Amino acid sequence: MYFSIAGTTIHISHSVPNSEPSSFVQNLMKTLNMSTIPPHPTRNIMQQGRDIHVELNNLYLNDEQIQQIRATYKSSQHFCQLFSNSIDDQNEANKVLGVQGLDVNQLKEKHQKDLGGRWSRRWSTKDGGKENERERVLLRCQCGSSMEARKAKMPYDFTGCPAHIDVTYHHTSSHITRIVGILQHNEACEMQEMKRLPPIPLHPHVWKIAIEQINEGASIAAVQSPKDPGWELDRRLEIIIHSSVSDGYVVAASFITPTVQRDSIRTSSEEYRDSRVEIQTFFT
């Protein structure tokens, strides 16, 4: 019988009376350093310890960024740290996030893709039971989202920033177990100012009313018609909006069609007068 280990072909004769491997095979196995073989990224998506494959495909990178980031990982110049459940370790982990304007509770808000500052949620996965659930979240600096790779407009201009953070934490306890990534922003990113207003989320009540109208078979005219004198209709943009903003939400809106995927709106509030902002609808 023949088999191969690390490129070496080994022959074991069928005449060997017992099933124990030969002393040669035993010695060969002892010389192999199995710990140097990293886990396959598709077999264990959470990936234990420091051998971690960051999902770069979800970061909207151009070719130059991909080469730069891969070179950083290959030369081990990236940030990679494991944390225990001790108070000191957790304080240190939260400090790492805090320097970037982040905290672990923000990671739990799955519906909130833009996490404040310049960070946006790009990818996540979970494992474990309800009481021991872990989540791994990948965050991206918005100055590093290539407009060629991602067609949507971003609040910040593209600077080629390589910064991204891959965080693994326990959902119940909020204990951070690992942080991996490139935490240094490039110089152009550090000097960057917001160029466009970020998306203003619609109040949940707006979604409820709009969906109820659609489920009840309301006509386009009915969906379009204002229900309140404070509303104004911008027919060119085909969206009805309320004239005020409350707690960061556009408090009322109706869409001309449920198939709209992305559109622009203009508010008439004092704070956002004549400002262009984008919203993402969730109708399918």
C-alpha atoms as a PDB file:
ATOM      1  CA  MET A   1       0.000   0.000   0.000  1.00  0.00           C
ATOM      2  CA  TYR A   2       1.239   3.497  -0.895  1.00  0.00           C
ATOM      3  CA  PHE A   3       0.326   6.866   0.574  1.00  0.00           C
ATOM      4  CA  SER A   4       1.884  10.320   0.571  1.00  0.00           C
ATOM      5  CA  ILE A   5       2.733  12.740   3.418  1.00  0.00           C
ATOM      6  CA  ALA A   6       4.107  16.193   2.624  1.00  0.00           C
ATOM      7  CA  GLY A   7       5.096  15.086  -0.880  1.00  0.00           C
ATOM      8  CA  THR A   8       6.907  11.911   0.312  1.00  0.00           C
ATOM      9  CA  THR A   9       5.570   8.600  -1.005  1.00  0.00           C
ATOM     10  CA  ILE A  10       5.631   5.845   1.620  1.00  0.00           C
ATOM     11  CA  HIS A  11       5.193   2.115   1.058  1.00  0.00           C
ATOM     12  CA  ILE A  12       3.764  -0.203   3.715  1.00  0.00           C
ATOM     13  CA  SER A  13       3.920  -3.885   2.879  1.00  0.00           C
ATOM     14  CA  HIS A  14       0.765  -5.996   3.201  1.00  0.00           C
ATOM     15  CA  SER A  15       2.897  -8.609   4.906  1.00  0.00           C
ATOM     16  CA  VAL A  16       3.150  -6.538   8.076  1.00  0.00           C
ATOM     17  CA  PRO A  17       1.388  -8.742  10.653  1.00  0.00           C
ATOM     18  CA  ASN A  18      -0.121  -5.977  12.788  1.00  0.00           C
ATOM     19  CA  SER A  19      -1.985  -2.751  12.026  1.00  0.00           C
ATOM     20  CA  GLU A  20       0.529  -0.517  13.810  1.00  0.00           C
ATOM     21  CA  PRO A  21       2.468   1.845  11.469  1.00  0.00           C
ATOM     22  CA  SER A  22       6.172   1.217  11.097  1.00  0.00           C
ATOM     23  CA  SER A  23       8.697   3.045  13.257  1.00  0.00           C
ATOM     24  CA  PHE A  24       9.715   5.003  10.174  1.00  0.00           C
ATOM     25  CA  VAL A  25       6.167   6.326   9.746  1.00  0.00           C
ATOM     26  CA  GLN A  26       5.883   7.128  13.448  1.00  0.00           C
ATOM     27  CA  ASN A  27       9.129   9.106  13.377  1.00  0.00           C
ATOM     28  CA  LEU A  28       8.047  10.927  10.223  1.00  0.00           C
ATOM     29  CA  MET A  29       4.733  11.956  11.778  1.00  0.00           C
ATOM     30  CA  LYS A  30       6.563  13.359  14.801  1.00  0.00           C
ATOM     31  CA  THR A  31       8.678  15.601  12.566  1.00  0.00           C
ATOM     32  CA  LEU A  32       5.644  17.209  10.926  1.00  0.00           C
ATOM     33  CA  ASN A  33       4.599  20.516  12.506  1.00  0.00           C
ATOM     34  CA  MET A  34       0.835  20.259  12.005  1.00  0.00           C
ATOM     35  CA  SER A  35       0.209  23.568  13.800  1.00  0.00           C
ATOM     36  CA  THR A  36       1.745  25.434  10.857  1.00  0.00           C
ATOM     37  CA  ILE A  37      -1.052  24.306   8.532  1.00  0.00           C
ATOM     38  CA  PRO A  38      -3.750  27.024   8.697  1.00  0.00           C
ATOM     39  CA  PRO A  39      -7.439  26.055   8.730  1.00  0.00           C
ATOM     40  CA  HIS A  40      -9.209  26.105   5.376  1.00  0.00           C
ATOM     41  CA  PRO A  41     -11.388  29.258   5.353  1.00  0.00           C
ATOM     42  CA  THR A  42     -14.462  27.471   3.981  1.00  0.00           C
ATOM     43  CA  ARG A  43     -14.346  24.654   6.532  1.00  0.00           C
ATOM     44  CA  ASN A  44     -14.386  26.756   9.681  1.00  0.00           C
ATOM     45  CA  ILE A  45     -15.774  30.198   9.014  1.00  0.00           C
ATOM     46  CA  MET A  46     -15.134  31.394  12.587  1.00  0.00           C
ATOM     47  CA  GLN A  47     -11.486  30.238  12.365  1.00  0.00           C
ATOM     48  CA  GLN A  48      -9.874  29.729  15.738  1.00  0.00           C
ATOM     49  CA  GLY A  49      -6.878  31.670  17.021  1.00  0.00           C
ATOM     50  CA  ARG A  50      -4.632  33.819  14.869  1.00  0.00           C
ATOM     51  CA  ASP A  51      -4.873  31.788  11.657  1.00  0.00           C
ATOM     52  CA  ILE A  52      -7.695  33.817  10.174  1.00  0.00           C
ATOM     53  CA  HIS A  53      -8.713  34.502   6.596  1.00  0.00           C
ATOM     54  CA  VAL A  54     -10.280  37.977   6.361  1.00  0.00           C
ATOM     55  CA  GLU A  55     -13.077  38.079   3.770  1.00  0.00           C
ATOM     56  CA  LEU A  56     -11.511  40.723   1.522  1.00  0.00           C
ATOM     57  CA  ASN A  57     -14.037  40.058  -1.248  1.00  0.00           C
ATOM     58  CA  ASN A  58     -16.638  41.922   0.821  1.00  0.00           C
ATOM     59  CA  LEU A  59     -14.639  45.151   1.115  1.00  0.00           C
ATOM     60  CA  TYR A  60     -15.148  46.661  -2.376  1.00  0.00           C
ATOM     61  CA  LEU A  61     -11.430  46.993  -3.116  1.00  0.00           C
ATOM     62  CA  ASN A  62      -9.664  47.924  -6.322  1.00  0.00           C
ATOM     63  CA  ASP A  63      -6.645  45.984  -7.583  1.00  0.00           C
ATOM     64  CA  GLU A  64      -4.109  48.316  -5.975  1.00  0.00           C
ATOM     65  CA  GLN A  65      -5.773  48.022  -2.559  1.00  0.00           C
ATOM     66  CA  ILE A  66      -5.939  44.238  -2.807  1.00  0.00           C
ATOM     67  CA  GLN A  67      -2.202  44.038  -3.498  1.00  0.00           C
ATOM     68  CA  GLN A  68      -1.409  46.449  -0.660  1.00  0.00           C
ATOM     69  CA  ILE A  69      -3.572  44.640   1.890  1.00  0.00           C
ATOM     70  CA  ARG A  70      -2.335  41.184   0.914  1.00  0.00           C
ATOM     71  CA  ALA A  71       1.258  42.390   1.218  1.00  0.00           C
ATOM     72  CA  THR A  72       0.498  43.741   4.697  1.00  0.00           C
ATOM     73  CA  TYR A  73      -0.926  40.395   5.810  1.00  0.00           C
ATOM     74  CA  LYS A  74       1.884  38.418   4.204  1.00  0.00           C
ATOM     75  CA  SER A  75       4.501  40.467   6.061  1.00  0.00           C
ATOM     76  CA  SER A  76       2.508  40.171   9.339  1.00  0.00           C
ATOM     77  CA  GLN A  77       2.285  43.942   9.711  1.00  0.00           C
ATOM     78  CA  HIS A  78      -1.456  43.822  10.380  1.00  0.00           C
ATOM     79  CA  PHE A  79      -3.104  44.023  13.812  1.00  0.00           C
ATOM     80  CA  CYS A  80      -3.986  40.646  15.338  1.00  0.00           C
ATOM     81  CA  GLN A  81      -4.768  40.126  19.011  1.00  0.00           C
ATOM     82  CA  LEU A  82      -6.659  37.547  21.071  1.00  0.00           C
ATOM     83  CA  PHE A  83      -8.434  38.548  24.288  1.00  0.00           C
ATOM     84  CA  SER A  84      -9.436  36.540  27.351  1.00  0.00           C
ATOM     85  CA  ASN A  85     -12.506  37.258  29.475  1.00  0.00           C
ATOM     86  CA  SER A  86     -10.428  39.047  32.120  1.00  0.00           C
ATOM     87  CA  ILE A  87     -11.303  42.645  32.953  1.00  0.00           C
ATOM     88  CA  ASP A  88      -7.908  43.886  31.779  1.00  0.00           C
ATOM     89  CA  ASP A  89      -8.151  42.111  28.428  1.00  0.00           C
ATOM     90  CA  GLN A  90     -11.697  43.301  27.799  1.00  0.00           C
ATOM     91  CA  ASN A  91     -10.759  46.864  28.699  1.00  0.00           C
ATOM     92  CA  GLU A  92      -7.900  46.651  26.225  1.00  0.00           C
ATOM     93  CA  ALA A  93     -10.143  45.206  23.500  1.00  0.00           C
ATOM     94  CA  ASN A  94     -12.753  47.916  23.982  1.00  0.00           C
ATOM     95  CA  LYS A  95     -10.019  50.541  23.917  1.00  0.00           C
ATOM     96  CA  VAL A  96      -8.875  49.258  20.509  1.00  0.00           C
ATOM     97  CA  LEU A  97     -12.409  49.737  19.180  1.00  0.00           C
ATOM     98  CA  GLY A  98     -12.880  53.017  21.052  1.00  0.00           C
ATOM     99  CA  VAL A  99      -9.887  54.617  19.349  1.00  0.00           C
ATOM    100  CA  GLN A 100     -11.736  53.975  16.075  1.00  0.00           C
ATOM    101  CA  GLY A 101     -14.978  55.472  17.422  1.00  0.00           C
ATOM    102  CA  LEU A 102     -16.595  52.046  17.830  1.00  0.00           C
ATOM    103  CA  ASP A 103     -17.986  49.882  20.621  1.00  0.00           C
ATOM    104  CA  VAL A 104     -19.116  46.271  20.743  1.00  0.00           C
ATOM    105  CA  ASN A 105     -22.807  47.160  21.179  1.00  0.00           C
ATOM    106  CA  GLN A 106     -22.821  48.801  17.749  1.00  0.00           C
ATOM    107  CA  LEU A 107     -21.848  45.462  16.228  1.00  0.00           C
ATOM    108  CA  LYS A 108     -25.129  43.938  17.421  1.00  0.00           C
ATOM    109  CA  GLU A 109     -27.228  46.361  15.357  1.00  0.00           C
ATOM    110  CA  LYS A 110     -27.459  44.267  12.202  1.00  0.00           C
ATOM    111  CA  HIS A 111     -29.828  46.664  10.446  1.00  0.00           C
ATOM    112  CA  GLN A 112     -27.388  49.533  10.979  1.00  0.00           C
ATOM    113  CA  LYS A 113     -24.727  49.208   8.285  1.00  0.00           C
ATOM    114  CA  ASP A 114     -23.177  52.628   8.866  1.00  0.00           C
ATOM    115  CA  LEU A 115     -21.793  52.533  12.403  1.00  0.00           C
ATOM    116  CA  GLY A 116     -20.793  56.136  12.840  1.00  0.00           C
ATOM    117  CA  GLY A 117     -17.487  57.794  12.127  1.00  0.00           C
ATOM    118  CA  ARG A 118     -16.271  56.287   8.879  1.00  0.00           C
ATOM    119  CA  TRP A 119     -17.039  52.656   9.531  1.00  0.00           C
ATOM    120  CA  SER A 120     -19.600  50.491   7.790  1.00  0.00           C
ATOM    121  CA  ARG A 121     -20.603  46.877   8.348  1.00  0.00           C
ATOM    122  CA  ARG A 122     -19.601  44.727   5.370  1.00  0.00           C
ATOM    123  CA  TRP A 123     -20.033  41.078   6.424  1.00  0.00           C
ATOM    124  CA  SER A 124     -20.903  38.931   9.454  1.00  0.00           C
ATOM    125  CA  THR A 125     -21.484  35.327  10.491  1.00  0.00           C
ATOM    126  CA  LYS A 126     -22.541  33.517  13.675  1.00  0.00           C
ATOM    127  CA  ASP A 127     -22.050  30.150  15.336  1.00  0.00           C
ATOM    128  CA  GLY A 128     -22.814  28.455  18.656  1.00  0.00           C
ATOM    129  CA  GLY A 129     -26.043  28.038  20.586  1.00  0.00           C
ATOM    130  CA  LYS A 130     -28.273  30.793  21.899  1.00  0.00           C
ATOM    131  CA  GLU A 131     -26.424  31.109  25.216  1.00  0.00           C
ATOM    132  CA  ASN A 132     -22.962  30.759  23.691  1.00  0.00           C
ATOM    133  CA  GLU A 133     -23.475  32.521  20.384  1.00  0.00           C
ATOM    134  CA  ARG A 134     -20.452  34.122  18.799  1.00  0.00           C
ATOM    135  CA  GLU A 135     -20.522  36.641  16.001  1.00  0.00           C
ATOM    136  CA  ARG A 136     -17.752  37.613  13.651  1.00  0.00           C
ATOM    137  CA  VAL A 137     -18.168  41.037  12.009  1.00  0.00           C
ATOM    138  CA  LEU A 138     -16.123  42.707   9.282  1.00  0.00           C
ATOM    139  CA  LEU A 139     -16.058  46.523   9.257  1.00  0.00           C
ATOM    140  CA  ARG A 140     -14.698  48.807   6.550  1.00  0.00           C
ATOM    141  CA  CYS A 141     -13.528  52.416   6.463  1.00  0.00           C
ATOM    142  CA  GLN A 142     -15.811  54.159   3.978  1.00  0.00           C
ATOM    143  CA  CYS A 143     -12.876  56.073   2.488  1.00  0.00           C
ATOM    144  CA  GLY A 144     -11.619  52.729   1.224  1.00  0.00           C
ATOM    145  CA  SER A 145     -14.709  51.658  -0.718  1.00  0.00           C
ATOM    146  CA  SER A 146     -13.713  51.848  -4.355  1.00  0.00           C
ATOM    147  CA  MET A 147     -16.314  53.622  -6.494  1.00  0.00           C
ATOM    148  CA  GLU A 148     -15.383  51.280  -9.340  1.00  0.00           C
ATOM    149  CA  ALA A 149     -16.092  48.209  -7.220  1.00  0.00           C
ATOM    150  CA  ARG A 150     -19.116  49.750  -5.510  1.00  0.00           C
ATOM    151  CA  LYS A 151     -21.462  51.909  -7.572  1.00  0.00           C
ATOM    152  CA  ALA A 152     -23.342  53.532  -4.677  1.00  0.00           C
ATOM    153  CA  LYS A 153     -22.387  57.031  -3.563  1.00  0.00           C
ATOM    154  CA  MET A 154     -20.528  57.183  -0.258  1.00  0.00           C
ATOM    155  CA  PRO A 155     -20.508  59.961   2.382  1.00  0.00           C
ATOM    156  CA  TYR A 156     -16.716  60.243   2.014  1.00  0.00           C
ATOM    157  CA  ASP A 157     -14.590  60.479  -1.111  1.00  0.00           C
ATOM    158  CA  PHE A 158     -12.505  57.442  -1.999  1.00  0.00           C
ATOM    159  CA  THR A 159      -8.885  57.715  -0.804  1.00  0.00           C
ATOM    160  CA  GLY A 160      -7.777  54.099  -1.157  1.00  0.00           C
ATOM    161  CA  CYS A 161      -7.709  53.721   2.637  1.00  0.00           C
ATOM    162  CA  PRO A 162      -6.843  50.108   3.574  1.00  0.00           C
ATOM    163  CA  ALA A 163      -8.345  50.229   7.088  1.00  0.00           C
ATOM    164  CA  HIS A 164     -10.710  47.410   8.084  1.00  0.00           C
ATOM    165  CA  ILE A 165     -11.476  45.508  11.296  1.00  0.00           C
ATOM    166  CA  ASP A 166     -12.549  41.880  11.770  1.00  0.00           C
ATOM    167  CA  VAL A 167     -14.051  41.446  15.273  1.00  0.00           C
ATOM    168  CA  THR A 168     -15.185  38.225  16.966  1.00  0.00           C
ATOM    169  CA  TYR A 169     -17.242  38.558  20.155  1.00  0.00           C
ATOM    170  CA  HIS A 170     -19.752  36.675  22.327  1.00  0.00           C
ATOM    171  CA  HIS A 171     -23.217  38.034  21.667  1.00  0.00           C
ATOM    172  CA  THR A 172     -24.635  37.572  25.191  1.00  0.00           C
ATOM    173  CA  SER A 173     -21.684  38.701  27.314  1.00  0.00           C
ATOM    174  CA  SER A 174     -20.315  41.193  24.745  1.00  0.00           C
ATOM    175  CA  HIS A 175     -16.842  39.814  25.472  1.00  0.00           C
ATOM    176  CA  ILE A 176     -14.461  40.425  22.587  1.00  0.00           C
ATOM    177  CA  THR A 177     -12.302  37.395  21.797  1.00  0.00           C
ATOM    178  CA  ARG A 178     -10.325  38.576  18.780  1.00  0.00           C
ATOM    179  CA  ILE A 179      -9.594  41.672  16.689  1.00  0.00           C
ATOM    180  CA  VAL A 180      -7.794  41.373  13.360  1.00  0.00           C
ATOM    181  CA  GLY A 181      -7.254  43.861  10.564  1.00  0.00           C
ATOM    182  CA  ILE A 182      -5.492  46.987   9.401  1.00  0.00           C
ATOM    183  CA  LEU A 183      -6.273  49.808  11.818  1.00  0.00           C
ATOM    184  CA  GLN A 184      -4.115  52.526  10.279  1.00  0.00           C
ATOM    185  CA  HIS A 185      -5.921  54.906   7.916  1.00  0.00           C
ATOM    186  CA  ASN A 186      -3.956  56.469   5.086  1.00  0.00           C
ATOM    187  CA  GLU A 187      -2.995  60.147   5.194  1.00  0.00           C
ATOM    188  CA  ALA A 188      -5.631  61.256   2.703  1.00  0.00           C
ATOM    189  CA  CYS A 189      -8.304  59.527   4.778  1.00  0.00           C
ATOM    190  CA  GLU A 190      -7.158  61.251   7.972  1.00  0.00           C
ATOM    191  CA  MET A 191      -7.648  64.629   6.271  1.00  0.00           C
ATOM    192  CA  GLN A 192     -10.940  63.698   4.612  1.00  0.00           C
ATOM    193  CA  GLU A 193     -14.171  65.503   5.505  1.00  0.00           C
ATOM    194  CA  MET A 194     -17.698  64.305   4.837  1.00  0.00           C
ATOM    195  CA  LYS A 195     -18.739  65.226   1.301  1.00  0.00           C
ATOM    196  CA  ARG A 196     -22.317  63.915   1.283  1.00  0.00           C
ATOM    197  CA  LEU A 197     -24.900  63.485   4.002  1.00  0.00           C
ATOM    198  CA  PRO A 198     -25.173  59.857   5.151  1.00  0.00           C
ATOM    199  CA  PRO A 199     -28.466  57.968   4.697  1.00  0.00           C
ATOM    200  CA  ILE A 200     -31.275  59.174   6.990  1.00  0.00           C
ATOM    201  CA  PRO A 201     -33.191  56.106   8.214  1.00  0.00           C
ATOM    202  CA  LEU A 202     -36.968  56.153   7.915  1.00  0.00           C
ATOM    203  CA  HIS A 203     -38.955  55.691  11.100  1.00  0.00           C
ATOM    204  CA  PRO A 204     -40.234  52.077  11.478  1.00  0.00           C
ATOM    205  CA  HIS A 205     -43.819  53.398  11.436  1.00  0.00           C
ATOM    206  CA  VAL A 206     -43.253  54.640   7.890  1.00  0.00           C
ATOM    207  CA  TRP A 207     -42.346  51.163   6.702  1.00  0.00           C
ATOM    208  CA  LYS A 208     -45.371  49.708   8.484  1.00  0.00           C
ATOM    209  CA  ILE A 209     -47.851  52.094   6.851  1.00  0.00           C
ATOM    210  CA  ALA A 210     -46.268  51.796   3.405  1.00  0.00           C
ATOM    211  CA  ILE A 211     -46.306  47.990   3.535  1.00  0.00           C
ATOM    212  CA  GLU A 212     -49.912  47.984   4.778  1.00  0.00           C
ATOM    213  CA  GLN A 213     -50.909  50.197   1.843  1.00  0.00           C
ATOM    214  CA  ILE A 214     -49.223  47.894  -0.628  1.00  0.00           C
ATOM    215  CA  ASN A 215     -50.630  44.703   0.916  1.00  0.00           C
ATOM    216  CA  GLU A 216     -54.125  46.207   0.792  1.00  0.00           C
ATOM    217  CA  GLY A 217     -53.702  46.780  -2.937  1.00  0.00           C
ATOM    218  CA  ALA A 218     -53.616  50.562  -2.765  1.00  0.00           C
ATOM    219  CA  SER A 219     -53.278  52.292  -6.108  1.00  0.00           C
ATOM    220  CA  ILE A 220     -50.285  54.415  -6.986  1.00  0.00           C
ATOM    221  CA  ALA A 221     -52.488  57.505  -6.674  1.00  0.00           C
ATOM    222  CA  ALA A 222     -53.529  56.463  -3.162  1.00  0.00           C
ATOM    223  CA  VAL A 223     -49.963  55.814  -2.075  1.00  0.00           C
ATOM    224  CA  GLN A 224     -48.950  59.144  -3.551  1.00  0.00           C
ATOM    225  CA  SER A 225     -51.659  61.255  -1.971  1.00  0.00           C
ATOM    226  CA  PRO A 226     -50.569  63.278   1.091  1.00  0.00           C
ATOM    227  CA  LYS A 227     -52.172  62.288   4.403  1.00  0.00           C
ATOM    228  CA  ASP A 228     -50.989  65.346   6.274  1.00  0.00           C
ATOM    229  CA  PRO A 229     -50.659  69.041   5.327  1.00  0.00           C
ATOM    230  CA  GLY A 230     -47.069  68.908   6.525  1.00  0.00           C
ATOM    231  CA  TRP A 231     -46.174  66.539   3.717  1.00  0.00           C
ATOM    232  CA  GLU A 232     -44.989  67.797   0.366  1.00  0.00           C
ATOM    233  CA  LEU A 233     -44.827  65.878  -2.885  1.00  0.00           C
ATOM    234  CA  ASP A 234     -41.771  65.969  -5.095  1.00  0.00           C
ATOM    235  CA  ARG A 235     -43.190  64.403  -8.250  1.00  0.00           C
ATOM    236  CA  ARG A 236     -39.881  64.546 -10.073  1.00  0.00           C
ATOM    237  CA  LEU A 237     -38.346  62.270  -7.463  1.00  0.00           C
ATOM    238  CA  GLU A 238     -41.587  60.318  -7.091  1.00  0.00           C
ATOM    239  CA  ILE A 239     -41.558  60.298  -3.312  1.00  0.00           C
ATOM    240  CA  ILE A 240     -43.670  61.937  -0.604  1.00  0.00           C
ATOM    241  CA  ILE A 241     -41.760  63.194   2.395  1.00  0.00           C
ATOM    242  CA  HIS A 242     -42.567  64.900   5.668  1.00  0.00           C
ATOM    243  CA  SER A 243     -41.326  68.420   6.199  1.00  0.00           C
ATOM    244  CA  SER A 244     -39.537  67.710   9.464  1.00  0.00           C
ATOM    245  CA  VAL A 245     -36.869  65.435  10.851  1.00  0.00           C
ATOM    246  CA  SER A 246     -37.229  63.945  14.338  1.00  0.00           C
ATOM    247  CA  ASP A 247     -34.494  62.092  16.216  1.00  0.00           C
ATOM    248  CA  GLY A 248     -32.567  61.550  13.014  1.00  0.00           C
ATOM    249  CA  TYR A 249     -35.504  59.966  11.206  1.00  0.00           C
ATOM    250  CA  VAL A 250     -37.562  61.189   8.294  1.00  0.00           C
ATOM    251  CA  VAL A 251     -40.850  60.699  10.135  1.00  0.00           C
ATOM    252  CA  ALA A 252     -43.145  60.094   7.201  1.00  0.00           C
ATOM    253  CA  ALA A 253     -42.847  59.030   3.591  1.00  0.00           C
ATOM    254  CA  SER A 254     -44.630  57.019   0.932  1.00  0.00           C
ATOM    255  CA  PHE A 255     -43.206  55.642  -2.289  1.00  0.00           C
ATOM    256  CA  ILE A 256     -44.784  55.756  -5.694  1.00  0.00           C
ATOM    257  CA  THR A 257     -43.928  52.098  -6.279  1.00  0.00           C
ATOM    258  CA  PRO A 258     -42.789  49.182  -4.126  1.00  0.00           C
ATOM    259  CA  THR A 259     -40.187  48.187  -6.702  1.00  0.00           C
ATOM    260  CA  VAL A 260     -37.974  51.214  -6.099  1.00  0.00           C
ATOM    261  CA  GLN A 261     -34.530  49.998  -5.024  1.00  0.00           C
ATOM    262  CA  ARG A 262     -32.742  53.278  -4.436  1.00  0.00           C
ATOM    263  CA  ASP A 263     -33.737  56.898  -4.867  1.00  0.00           C
ATOM    264  CA  SER A 264     -32.930  60.397  -3.707  1.00  0.00           C
ATOM    265  CA  ILE A 265     -35.075  62.627  -1.543  1.00  0.00           C
ATOM    266  CA  ARG A 266     -35.000  66.273  -0.568  1.00  0.00           C
ATOM    267  CA  THR A 267     -36.218  67.370   2.848  1.00  0.00           C
ATOM    268  CA  SER A 268     -37.609  70.822   3.622  1.00  0.00           C
ATOM    269  CA  SER A 269     -36.537  70.873   7.266  1.00  0.00           C
ATOM    270  CA  GLU A 270     -34.325  73.636   8.620  1.00  0.00           C
ATOM    271  CA  GLU A 271     -31.483  71.220   9.296  1.00  0.00           C
ATOM    272  CA  TYR A 272     -31.494  69.491   5.927  1.00  0.00           C
ATOM    273  CA  ARG A 273     -33.048  72.150   3.663  1.00  0.00           C
ATOM    274  CA  ASP A 274     -32.168  71.540   0.001  1.00  0.00           C
ATOM    275  CA  SER A 275     -29.835  68.726   0.987  1.00  0.00           C
ATOM    276  CA  ARG A 276     -29.554  65.615  -1.131  1.00  0.00           C
ATOM    277  CA  VAL A 277     -29.516  62.358   0.790  1.00  0.00           C
ATOM    278  CA  GLU A 278     -29.963  58.764  -0.238  1.00  0.00           C
ATOM    279  CA  ILE A 279     -32.253  56.150   1.231  1.00  0.00           C
ATOM    280  CA  GLN A 280     -32.375  52.414   0.754  1.00  0.00           C
ATOM    281  CA  THR A 281     -35.795  50.799   0.456  1.00  0.00           C
ATOM    282  CA  PHE A 282     -36.391  47.241   1.523  1.00  0.00           C
ATOM    283  CA  PHE A 283     -39.218  46.390  -0.833  1.00  0.00           C
ATOM    284  CA  THR A 284     -38.674  43.441  -3.153  1.00  0.00           C
END
